[in-house]
PDB file of N, CA and C in Angstrom:
ATOM      1  N   ASP A   1     145.509 148.945 115.781  1.00  0.00           N
ATOM      2  CA  ASP A   1     146.258 147.748 116.374  1.00  0.00           C
ATOM      3  C   ASP A   1     144.921 146.699 116.682  1.00  0.00           C
ATOM      4  N   LEU A   2     143.742 146.718 117.197  1.00  0.00           N
ATOM      5  CA  LEU A   2     142.794 145.352 117.441  1.00  0.00           C
ATOM      6  C   LEU A   2     141.414 146.014 116.979  1.00  0.00           C
ATOM      7  N   THR A   3     140.993 144.970 116.449  1.00  0.00           N
ATOM      8  CA  THR A   3     139.192 144.946 116.128  1.00  0.00           C
ATOM      9  C   THR A   3     138.917 144.038 116.706  1.00  0.00           C
ATOM     10  N   PHE A   4     137.737 144.620 117.316  1.00  0.00           N
ATOM     11  CA  PHE A   4     136.755 143.197 117.921  1.00  0.00           C
ATOM     12  C   PHE A   4     135.365 142.879 116.857  1.00  0.00           C
ATOM     13  N   TYR A   5     135.316 141.548 116.628  1.00  0.00           N
ATOM     14  CA  TYR A   5     133.976 141.761 115.818  1.00  0.00           C
ATOM     15  C   TYR A   5     133.439 140.704 117.351  1.00  0.00           C
ATOM     16  N   LEU A   6     132.007 141.280 117.113  1.00  0.00           N
ATOM     17  CA  LEU A   6     130.882 140.916 118.121  1.00  0.00           C
ATOM     18  C   LEU A   6     129.975 140.042 117.576  1.00  0.00           C
ATOM     19  N   ARG A   7     130.651 138.645 117.859  1.00  0.00           N
ATOM     20  CA  ARG A   7     129.686 137.596 116.499  1.00  0.00           C
ATOM     21  C   ARG A   7     128.086 137.769 117.686  1.00  0.00           C
ATOM     22  N   LEU A   8     127.347 137.681 116.980  1.00  0.00           N
ATOM     23  CA  LEU A   8     125.697 137.366 117.299  1.00  0.00           C
ATOM     24  C   LEU A   8     124.687 136.506 116.081  1.00  0.00           C
ATOM     25  N   SER A   9     124.201 135.608 116.998  1.00  0.00           N
ATOM     26  CA  SER A   9     124.136 134.816 115.532  1.00  0.00           C
ATOM     27  C   SER A   9     122.420 135.571 115.191  1.00  0.00           C
ATOM     28  N   PRO A  10     121.663 135.667 114.006  1.00  0.00           N
ATOM     29  CA  PRO A  10     120.613 136.406 113.376  1.00  0.00           C
ATOM     30  C   PRO A  10     119.827 136.667 113.748  1.00  0.00           C
ATOM     31  N   GLU A  11     118.849 135.492 114.801  1.00  0.00           N
ATOM     32  CA  GLU A  11     118.062 135.243 115.949  1.00  0.00           C
ATOM     33  C   GLU A  11     118.176 136.165 116.885  1.00  0.00           C
ATOM     34  N   GLU A  12     119.466 136.285 117.340  1.00  0.00           N
ATOM     35  CA  GLU A  12     119.533 136.487 118.706  1.00  0.00           C
ATOM     36  C   GLU A  12     119.530 138.502 118.250  1.00  0.00           C
ATOM     37  N   ARG A  13     119.959 138.609 117.481  1.00  0.00           N
ATOM     38  CA  ARG A  13     120.347 140.340 117.016  1.00  0.00           C
ATOM     39  C   ARG A  13     118.981 140.594 116.835  1.00  0.00           C
ATOM     40  N   VAL A  14     118.176 139.928 116.128  1.00  0.00           N
ATOM     41  CA  VAL A  14     116.630 140.414 116.182  1.00  0.00           C
ATOM     42  C   VAL A  14     115.822 140.394 117.003  1.00  0.00           C
ATOM     43  N   ARG A  15     115.824 139.345 117.835  1.00  0.00           N
ATOM     44  CA  ARG A  15     115.366 139.691 119.304  1.00  0.00           C
ATOM     45  C   ARG A  15     115.693 140.770 119.877  1.00  0.00           C
ATOM     46  N   ARG A  16     116.587 141.066 120.375  1.00  0.00           N
ATOM     47  CA  ARG A  16     117.742 142.267 120.687  1.00  0.00           C
ATOM     48  C   ARG A  16     116.970 143.087 120.279  1.00  0.00           C
ATOM     49  N   ALA A  17     116.853 143.357 119.279  1.00  0.00           N
ATOM     50  CA  ALA A  17     116.493 144.622 118.504  1.00  0.00           C
ATOM     51  C   ALA A  17     115.089 144.610 118.395  1.00  0.00           C
ATOM     52  N   TYR A  18     113.809 143.930 118.246  1.00  0.00           N
ATOM     53  CA  TYR A  18     112.647 144.224 118.765  1.00  0.00           C
ATOM     54  C   TYR A  18     112.819 144.122 120.422  1.00  0.00           C
ATOM     55  N   LYS A  19     113.246 143.282 121.081  1.00  0.00           N
ATOM     56  CA  LYS A  19     113.236 143.467 122.579  1.00  0.00           C
ATOM     57  C   LYS A  19     113.420 145.434 123.168  1.00  0.00           C
ATOM     58  N   SER A  20     115.143 146.060 122.548  1.00  0.00           N
ATOM     59  CA  SER A  20     114.695 147.398 122.982  1.00  0.00           C
ATOM     60  C   SER A  20     114.084 148.509 122.387  1.00  0.00           C
ATOM     61  N   GLY A  21     113.431 147.780 121.272  1.00  0.00           N
ATOM     62  CA  GLY A  21     112.796 148.791 120.602  1.00  0.00           C
ATOM     63  C   GLY A  21     113.496 149.976 119.730  1.00  0.00           C
ATOM     64  N   VAL A  22     114.850 149.640 119.592  1.00  0.00           N
ATOM     65  CA  VAL A  22     115.804 151.095 118.756  1.00  0.00           C
ATOM     66  C   VAL A  22     115.822 151.066 118.039  1.00  0.00           C
ATOM     67  N   PRO A  23     115.577 151.560 116.691  1.00  0.00           N
ATOM     68  CA  PRO A  23     115.454 152.036 115.477  1.00  0.00           C
ATOM     69  C   PRO A  23     116.428 151.027 114.577  1.00  0.00           C
ATOM     70  N   LEU A  24     116.253 150.346 113.568  1.00  0.00           N
ATOM     71  CA  LEU A  24     116.892 149.691 112.748  1.00  0.00           C
ATOM     72  C   LEU A  24     118.138 150.854 112.272  1.00  0.00           C
ATOM     73  N   ASP A  25     119.380 150.033 112.425  1.00  0.00           N
ATOM     74  CA  ASP A  25     120.699 150.901 112.203  1.00  0.00           C
ATOM     75  C   ASP A  25     120.832 151.113 110.461  1.00  0.00           C
ATOM     76  N   ARG A  26     121.636 151.761 110.125  1.00  0.00           N
ATOM     77  CA  ARG A  26     121.772 151.478 108.249  1.00  0.00           C
ATOM     78  C   ARG A  26     121.777 150.515 107.490  1.00  0.00           C
ATOM     79  N   ILE A  27     122.725 149.858 108.192  1.00  0.00           N
ATOM     80  CA  ILE A  27     122.670 148.367 107.273  1.00  0.00           C
ATOM     81  C   ILE A  27     121.967 147.541 107.752  1.00  0.00           C
ATOM     82  N   GLU A  28     121.312 147.164 108.921  1.00  0.00           N
ATOM     83  CA  GLU A  28     120.030 146.522 108.998  1.00  0.00           C
ATOM     84  C   GLU A  28     118.591 147.035 107.747  1.00  0.00           C
ATOM     85  N   LYS A  29     118.866 148.741 107.771  1.00  0.00           N
ATOM     86  CA  LYS A  29     117.297 148.556 106.726  1.00  0.00           C
ATOM     87  C   LYS A  29     117.810 148.366 105.887  1.00  0.00           C
ATOM     88  N   VAL A  30     118.714 148.032 105.033  1.00  0.00           N
ATOM     89  CA  VAL A  30     119.208 147.774 103.511  1.00  0.00           C
ATOM     90  C   VAL A  30     118.309 146.246 103.079  1.00  0.00           C
ATOM     91  N   GLY A  31     118.362 144.975 104.731  1.00  0.00           N
ATOM     92  CA  GLY A  31     117.631 144.280 104.990  1.00  0.00           C
ATOM     93  C   GLY A  31     118.376 143.086 105.073  1.00  0.00           C
ATOM     94  N   ASP A  32     118.094 141.792 105.393  1.00  0.00           N
ATOM     95  CA  ASP A  32     118.523 140.704 105.952  1.00  0.00           C
ATOM     96  C   ASP A  32     119.948 139.607 104.837  1.00  0.00           C
ATOM     97  N   ASP A  33     120.001 140.178 103.494  1.00  0.00           N
ATOM     98  CA  ASP A  33     120.407 139.854 102.661  1.00  0.00           C
ATOM     99  C   ASP A  33     121.578 140.020 102.488  1.00  0.00           C
ATOM    100  N   PHE A  34     121.592 141.814 102.802  1.00  0.00           N
ATOM    101  CA  PHE A  34     122.411 142.535 102.856  1.00  0.00           C
ATOM    102  C   PHE A  34     123.453 142.456 104.480  1.00  0.00           C
ATOM    103  N   VAL A  35     122.464 142.862 105.389  1.00  0.00           N
ATOM    104  CA  VAL A  35     123.588 141.862 106.682  1.00  0.00           C
ATOM    105  C   VAL A  35     124.110 140.756 106.727  1.00  0.00           C
ATOM    106  N   ARG A  36     123.831 139.895 106.140  1.00  0.00           N
ATOM    107  CA  ARG A  36     123.885 138.644 106.160  1.00  0.00           C
ATOM    108  C   ARG A  36     125.310 138.684 105.571  1.00  0.00           C
ATOM    109  N   ARG A  37     125.595 139.444 104.048  1.00  0.00           N
ATOM    110  CA  ARG A  37     127.057 139.548 102.873  1.00  0.00           C
ATOM    111  C   ARG A  37     128.217 140.513 103.966  1.00  0.00           C
ATOM    112  N   VAL A  38     127.056 141.625 105.084  1.00  0.00           N
ATOM    113  CA  VAL A  38     128.567 141.697 105.494  1.00  0.00           C
ATOM    114  C   VAL A  38     129.183 140.897 106.442  1.00  0.00           C
ATOM    115  N   GLU A  39     128.206 140.585 107.560  1.00  0.00           N
ATOM    116  CA  GLU A  39     128.718 139.321 108.530  1.00  0.00           C
ATOM    117  C   GLU A  39     130.077 138.065 107.853  1.00  0.00           C
ATOM    118  N   LYS A  40     129.420 137.965 106.328  1.00  0.00           N
ATOM    119  CA  LYS A  40     130.794 136.965 106.254  1.00  0.00           C
ATOM    120  C   LYS A  40     131.863 137.828 105.294  1.00  0.00           C
ATOM    121  N   GLY A  41     132.050 138.858 105.320  1.00  0.00           N
ATOM    122  CA  GLY A  41     132.745 139.657 105.220  1.00  0.00           C
ATOM    123  C   GLY A  41     133.513 140.075 106.344  1.00  0.00           C
ATOM    124  N   PHE A  42     132.770 140.127 107.720  1.00  0.00           N
ATOM    125  CA  PHE A  42     133.725 139.939 109.091  1.00  0.00           C
ATOM    126  C   PHE A  42     134.374 139.092 109.479  1.00  0.00           C
ATOM    127  N   GLU A  43     133.624 137.907 109.013  1.00  0.00           N
ATOM    128  CA  GLU A  43     134.065 136.852 109.498  1.00  0.00           C
ATOM    129  C   GLU A  43     135.298 136.595 107.521  1.00  0.00           C
ATOM    130  N   THR A  44     135.365 136.458 106.988  1.00  0.00           N
ATOM    131  CA  THR A  44     136.661 136.542 105.958  1.00  0.00           C
ATOM    132  C   THR A  44     137.753 137.292 106.183  1.00  0.00           C
ATOM    133  N   ILE A  45     137.277 138.154 106.946  1.00  0.00           N
ATOM    134  CA  ILE A  45     138.459 139.481 107.611  1.00  0.00           C
ATOM    135  C   ILE A  45     139.022 138.489 109.006  1.00  0.00           C
ATOM    136  N   ALA A  46     137.929 138.399 109.861  1.00  0.00           N
ATOM    137  CA  ALA A  46     138.560 137.236 111.277  1.00  0.00           C
ATOM    138  C   ALA A  46     139.488 136.347 110.339  1.00  0.00           C
ATOM    139  N   ARG A  47     138.895 135.546 110.235  1.00  0.00           N
ATOM    140  CA  ARG A  47     139.355 133.989 109.508  1.00  0.00           C
ATOM    141  C   ARG A  47     140.979 134.715 109.092  1.00  0.00           C
ATOM    142  N   SER A  48     141.202 135.760 108.374  1.00  0.00           N
ATOM    143  CA  SER A  48     142.463 135.943 107.586  1.00  0.00           C
ATOM    144  C   SER A  48     143.463 136.811 108.308  1.00  0.00           C
ATOM    145  N   GLU A  49     143.274 137.330 109.420  1.00  0.00           N
ATOM    146  CA  GLU A  49     143.701 138.066 110.173  1.00  0.00           C
ATOM    147  C   GLU A  49     143.470 137.692 111.867  1.00  0.00           C
ATOM    148  N   PRO A  50     143.428 136.748 112.296  1.00  0.00           N
ATOM    149  CA  PRO A  50     143.606 136.744 113.507  1.00  0.00           C
ATOM    150  C   PRO A  50     144.345 137.624 114.772  1.00  0.00           C
ATOM    151  N   ASN A  51     145.594 137.866 114.118  1.00  0.00           N
ATOM    152  CA  ASN A  51     146.275 138.669 115.520  1.00  0.00           C
ATOM    153  C   ASN A  51     145.324 139.644 115.695  1.00  0.00           C
ATOM    154  N   ARG A  52     144.631 140.014 114.671  1.00  0.00           N
ATOM    155  CA  ARG A  52     144.281 141.717 114.696  1.00  0.00           C
ATOM    156  C   ARG A  52     142.663 142.003 114.834  1.00  0.00           C
ATOM    157  N   VAL A  53     142.110 140.781 114.551  1.00  0.00           N
ATOM    158  CA  VAL A  53     141.000 140.995 114.642  1.00  0.00           C
ATOM    159  C   VAL A  53     140.533 139.951 115.192  1.00  0.00           C
ATOM    160  N   LYS A  54     140.146 139.790 116.874  1.00  0.00           N
ATOM    161  CA  LYS A  54     139.432 139.257 117.900  1.00  0.00           C
ATOM    162  C   LYS A  54     138.181 138.758 117.870  1.00  0.00           C
ATOM    163  N   THR A  55     137.430 137.334 117.382  1.00  0.00           N
ATOM    164  CA  THR A  55     135.998 137.371 117.334  1.00  0.00           C
ATOM    165  C   THR A  55     135.423 136.689 118.632  1.00  0.00           C
ATOM    166  N   LEU A  56     134.575 138.072 119.253  1.00  0.00           N
ATOM    167  CA  LEU A  56     134.225 137.191 120.778  1.00  0.00           C
ATOM    168  C   LEU A  56     132.271 136.844 120.409  1.00  0.00           C
ATOM    169  N   ASP A  57     131.847 136.521 121.299  1.00  0.00           N
ATOM    170  CA  ASP A  57     130.464 136.300 121.473  1.00  0.00           C
ATOM    171  C   ASP A  57     129.491 136.624 121.916  1.00  0.00           C
ATOM    172  N   ALA A  58     128.884 137.482 121.030  1.00  0.00           N
ATOM    173  CA  ALA A  58     128.197 138.538 121.608  1.00  0.00           C
ATOM    174  C   ALA A  58     127.335 138.943 122.610  1.00  0.00           C
ATOM    175  N   SER A  59     126.656 137.173 122.258  1.00  0.00           N
ATOM    176  CA  SER A  59     125.637 136.691 123.141  1.00  0.00           C
ATOM    177  C   SER A  59     125.941 136.555 124.799  1.00  0.00           C
ATOM    178  N   LEU A  60     126.891 136.724 125.291  1.00  0.00           N
ATOM    179  CA  LEU A  60     127.131 136.608 126.585  1.00  0.00           C
ATOM    180  C   LEU A  60     127.082 138.153 127.117  1.00  0.00           C
ATOM    181  N   SER A  61     126.642 138.279 128.471  1.00  0.00           N
ATOM    182  CA  SER A  61     125.965 139.090 129.224  1.00  0.00           C
ATOM    183  C   SER A  61     127.026 140.318 128.713  1.00  0.00           C
ATOM    184  N   PRO A  62     127.254 141.453 129.030  1.00  0.00           N
ATOM    185  CA  PRO A  62     127.635 142.783 129.311  1.00  0.00           C
ATOM    186  C   PRO A  62     128.928 142.839 129.824  1.00  0.00           C
ATOM    187  N   GLU A  63     128.728 142.405 130.864  1.00  0.00           N
ATOM    188  CA  GLU A  63     129.820 141.956 132.013  1.00  0.00           C
ATOM    189  C   GLU A  63     131.349 140.984 131.439  1.00  0.00           C
ATOM    190  N   ARG A  64     130.382 139.977 131.581  1.00  0.00           N
ATOM    191  CA  ARG A  64     131.504 139.010 130.626  1.00  0.00           C
ATOM    192  C   ARG A  64     132.064 139.446 129.300  1.00  0.00           C
ATOM    193  N   LEU A  65     131.361 140.101 128.993  1.00  0.00           N
ATOM    194  CA  LEU A  65     132.055 140.415 127.409  1.00  0.00           C
ATOM    195  C   LEU A  65     133.172 141.400 127.154  1.00  0.00           C
ATOM    196  N   ALA A  66     132.847 142.479 128.231  1.00  0.00           N
ATOM    197  CA  ALA A  66     133.630 142.975 129.267  1.00  0.00           C
ATOM    198  C   ALA A  66     134.931 143.288 129.192  1.00  0.00           C
ATOM    199  N   GLU A  67     134.846 141.907 130.423  1.00  0.00           N
ATOM    200  CA  GLU A  67     135.871 140.998 130.525  1.00  0.00           C
ATOM    201  C   GLU A  67     136.887 140.479 129.434  1.00  0.00           C
ATOM    202  N   ASN A  68     135.772 139.679 128.534  1.00  0.00           N
ATOM    203  CA  ASN A  68     137.071 139.453 127.540  1.00  0.00           C
ATOM    204  C   ASN A  68     137.605 140.587 126.684  1.00  0.00           C
ATOM    205  N   VAL A  69     136.882 141.629 126.375  1.00  0.00           N
ATOM    206  CA  VAL A  69     137.641 142.670 125.842  1.00  0.00           C
ATOM    207  C   VAL A  69     138.638 142.921 126.668  1.00  0.00           C
ATOM    208  N   GLY A  70     138.596 143.185 127.500  1.00  0.00           N
ATOM    209  CA  GLY A  70     140.021 143.505 128.806  1.00  0.00           C
ATOM    210  C   GLY A  70     140.816 142.780 128.266  1.00  0.00           C
ATOM    211  N   ARG A  71     140.842 141.042 129.023  1.00  0.00           N
ATOM    212  CA  ARG A  71     141.780 140.160 128.399  1.00  0.00           C
ATOM    213  C   ARG A  71     141.960 140.709 127.130  1.00  0.00           C
ATOM    214  N   GLU A  72     142.378 140.947 125.759  1.00  0.00           N
ATOM    215  CA  GLU A  72     141.877 140.785 124.674  1.00  0.00           C
ATOM    216  C   GLU A  72     143.841 142.169 124.914  1.00  0.00           C
ATOM    217  N   ILE A  73     142.561 142.358 125.306  1.00  0.00           N
ATOM    218  CA  ILE A  73     143.715 144.107 125.539  1.00  0.00           C
ATOM    219  C   ILE A  73     145.075 143.997 126.574  1.00  0.00           C
ATOM    220  N   LEU A  74     144.141 143.599 127.656  1.00  0.00           N
ATOM    221  CA  LEU A  74     145.919 142.972 128.137  1.00  0.00           C
ATOM    222  C   LEU A  74     146.548 142.855 127.720  1.00  0.00           C
ATOM    223  N   ARG A  75     145.879 141.621 126.603  1.00  0.00           N
ATOM    224  CA  ARG A  75     147.223 140.087 125.760  1.00  0.00           C
ATOM    225  C   ARG A  75     148.052 140.968 125.333  1.00  0.00           C
ATOM    226  N   LEU A  76     147.326 141.698 123.776  1.00  0.00           N
ATOM    227  CA  LEU A  76     147.901 142.694 123.461  1.00  0.00           C
ATOM    228  C   LEU A  76     149.304 143.892 123.528  1.00  0.00           C
ATOM    229  N   ARG A  77     148.951 144.596 124.990  1.00  0.00           N
ATOM    230  CA  ARG A  77     149.620 145.547 125.280  1.00  0.00           C
ATOM    231  C   ARG A  77     150.770 144.582 125.853  1.00  0.00           C
ATOM    232  N   SER A  78     150.665 143.150 126.254  1.00  0.00           N
ATOM    233  CA  SER A  78     151.651 142.490 126.675  1.00  0.00           C
ATOM    234  C   SER A  78     152.207 141.849 126.215  1.00  0.00           C
ATOM    235  N   ALA A  79     152.104 141.697 125.351  1.00  0.00           N
ATOM    236  CA  ALA A  79     152.869 141.160 124.109  1.00  0.00           C
ATOM    237  C   ALA A  79     153.312 142.284 123.070  1.00  0.00           C
ATOM    238  N   ASP A  80     153.052 143.692 123.240  1.00  0.00           N
ATOM    239  CA  ASP A  80     153.864 144.892 122.808  1.00  0.00           C
ATOM    240  C   ASP A  80     155.060 144.780 123.930  1.00  0.00           C
ATOM    241  N   GLY A  81     154.915 144.698 125.266  1.00  0.00           N
ATOM    242  CA  GLY A  81     155.662 145.125 125.971  1.00  0.00           C
ATOM    243  C   GLY A  81     155.437 146.036 126.726  1.00  0.00           C
ATOM    244  N   ASP A  82     154.500 146.671 126.163  1.00  0.00           N
ATOM    245  CA  ASP A  82     153.648 147.752 127.250  1.00  0.00           C
ATOM    246  C   ASP A  82     153.454 147.737 128.257  1.00  0.00           C
ATOM    247  N   PHE A  83     153.464 146.605 129.084  1.00  0.00           N
ATOM    248  CA  PHE A  83     153.337 145.754 130.398  1.00  0.00           C
ATOM    249  C   PHE A  83     154.632 145.383 131.247  1.00  0.00           C
TER     250      PHE A  83
END
Protein backbone atom coordinates (compact mmCIF):
# COMPACT_ATOMS: atom_id res chain seq x y z
CA ASP A 1 0.00 0.00 0.00
CA LEU A 2 2.85 2.40 0.75
CA THR A 3 6.50 2.55 -0.21
CA PHE A 4 9.06 4.76 1.48
CA TYR A 5 11.84 6.14 -0.67
CA LEU A 6 14.60 7.34 1.62
CA ARG A 7 16.44 10.03 -0.32
CA LEU A 8 20.08 10.62 0.60
CA SER A 9 22.64 12.67 -1.29
CA PRO A 10 25.48 10.73 -2.92
CA GLU A 11 27.99 12.57 -0.74
CA GLU A 12 26.20 11.65 2.47
CA ARG A 13 25.76 8.06 1.30
CA VAL A 14 29.51 7.74 0.71
CA ARG A 15 30.33 9.44 4.01
CA ARG A 16 28.06 7.11 5.96
CA ALA A 17 29.35 4.03 4.18
CA TYR A 18 32.95 4.99 4.88
CA LYS A 19 32.20 5.86 8.50
CA SER A 20 30.27 2.64 9.18
CA GLY A 21 32.81 0.35 7.54
CA VAL A 22 29.93 -1.80 6.27
CA PRO A 23 30.71 -3.56 2.98
CA LEU A 24 29.04 -2.25 -0.15
CA ASP A 25 25.68 -3.78 -1.01
CA ARG A 26 25.04 -5.47 -4.36
CA ILE A 27 23.84 -2.25 -6.01
CA GLU A 28 26.74 -0.16 -4.71
CA LYS A 29 29.24 -2.78 -5.91
CA VAL A 30 28.15 -2.20 -9.50
CA GLY A 31 29.35 1.41 -9.35
CA ASP A 32 28.31 5.04 -9.15
CA ASP A 33 26.76 5.23 -12.62
CA PHE A 34 24.44 2.33 -11.83
CA VAL A 35 23.55 3.80 -8.42
CA ARG A 36 22.63 7.10 -10.14
CA ARG A 37 20.39 5.25 -12.61
CA VAL A 38 18.68 3.39 -9.75
CA GLU A 39 18.13 6.69 -7.90
CA LYS A 40 16.75 8.29 -11.06
CA GLY A 41 14.33 5.37 -11.39
CA PHE A 42 13.13 5.78 -7.81
CA GLU A 43 12.72 9.53 -8.35
CA THR A 44 10.59 8.88 -11.44
CA ILE A 45 8.40 6.37 -9.63
CA ALA A 46 8.01 8.67 -6.61
CA ARG A 47 6.92 11.59 -8.84
CA SER A 48 4.50 9.47 -10.85
CA GLU A 49 2.89 7.77 -7.83
CA PRO A 50 2.97 10.32 -4.97
CA ASN A 51 0.12 8.66 -3.09
CA ARG A 52 1.88 5.30 -3.03
CA VAL A 53 5.52 6.35 -2.75
CA LYS A 54 6.53 8.78 -0.03
CA THR A 55 9.93 10.39 -0.38
CA LEU A 56 11.58 11.06 2.96
CA ASP A 57 14.77 12.90 3.84
CA ALA A 58 17.14 10.16 4.97
CA SER A 59 19.66 12.71 6.23
CA LEU A 60 17.45 13.28 9.27
CA SER A 61 18.29 11.62 12.56
CA PRO A 62 16.95 8.08 12.91
CA GLU A 63 14.44 9.35 15.47
CA ARG A 64 13.08 12.10 13.20
CA LEU A 65 12.97 9.75 10.24
CA ALA A 66 11.02 7.19 12.30
CA GLU A 67 8.58 9.95 13.34
CA ASN A 68 8.03 10.85 9.69
CA VAL A 69 7.45 7.21 8.75
CA GLY A 70 4.99 6.80 11.62
CA ARG A 71 3.14 9.96 10.60
CA GLU A 72 2.78 8.72 7.02
CA ILE A 73 1.52 5.32 8.18
CA LEU A 74 -1.06 6.95 10.47
CA ARG A 75 -2.13 9.23 7.62
CA LEU A 76 -2.61 6.24 5.32
CA ARG A 77 -4.54 4.26 7.93
CA SER A 78 -6.71 7.27 8.70
CA ALA A 79 -7.46 7.78 5.00
CA ASP A 80 -8.43 4.10 4.72
CA GLY A 81 -10.78 4.41 7.67
CA ASP A 82 -8.76 2.06 9.90
CA PHE A 83 -8.74 4.59 12.75
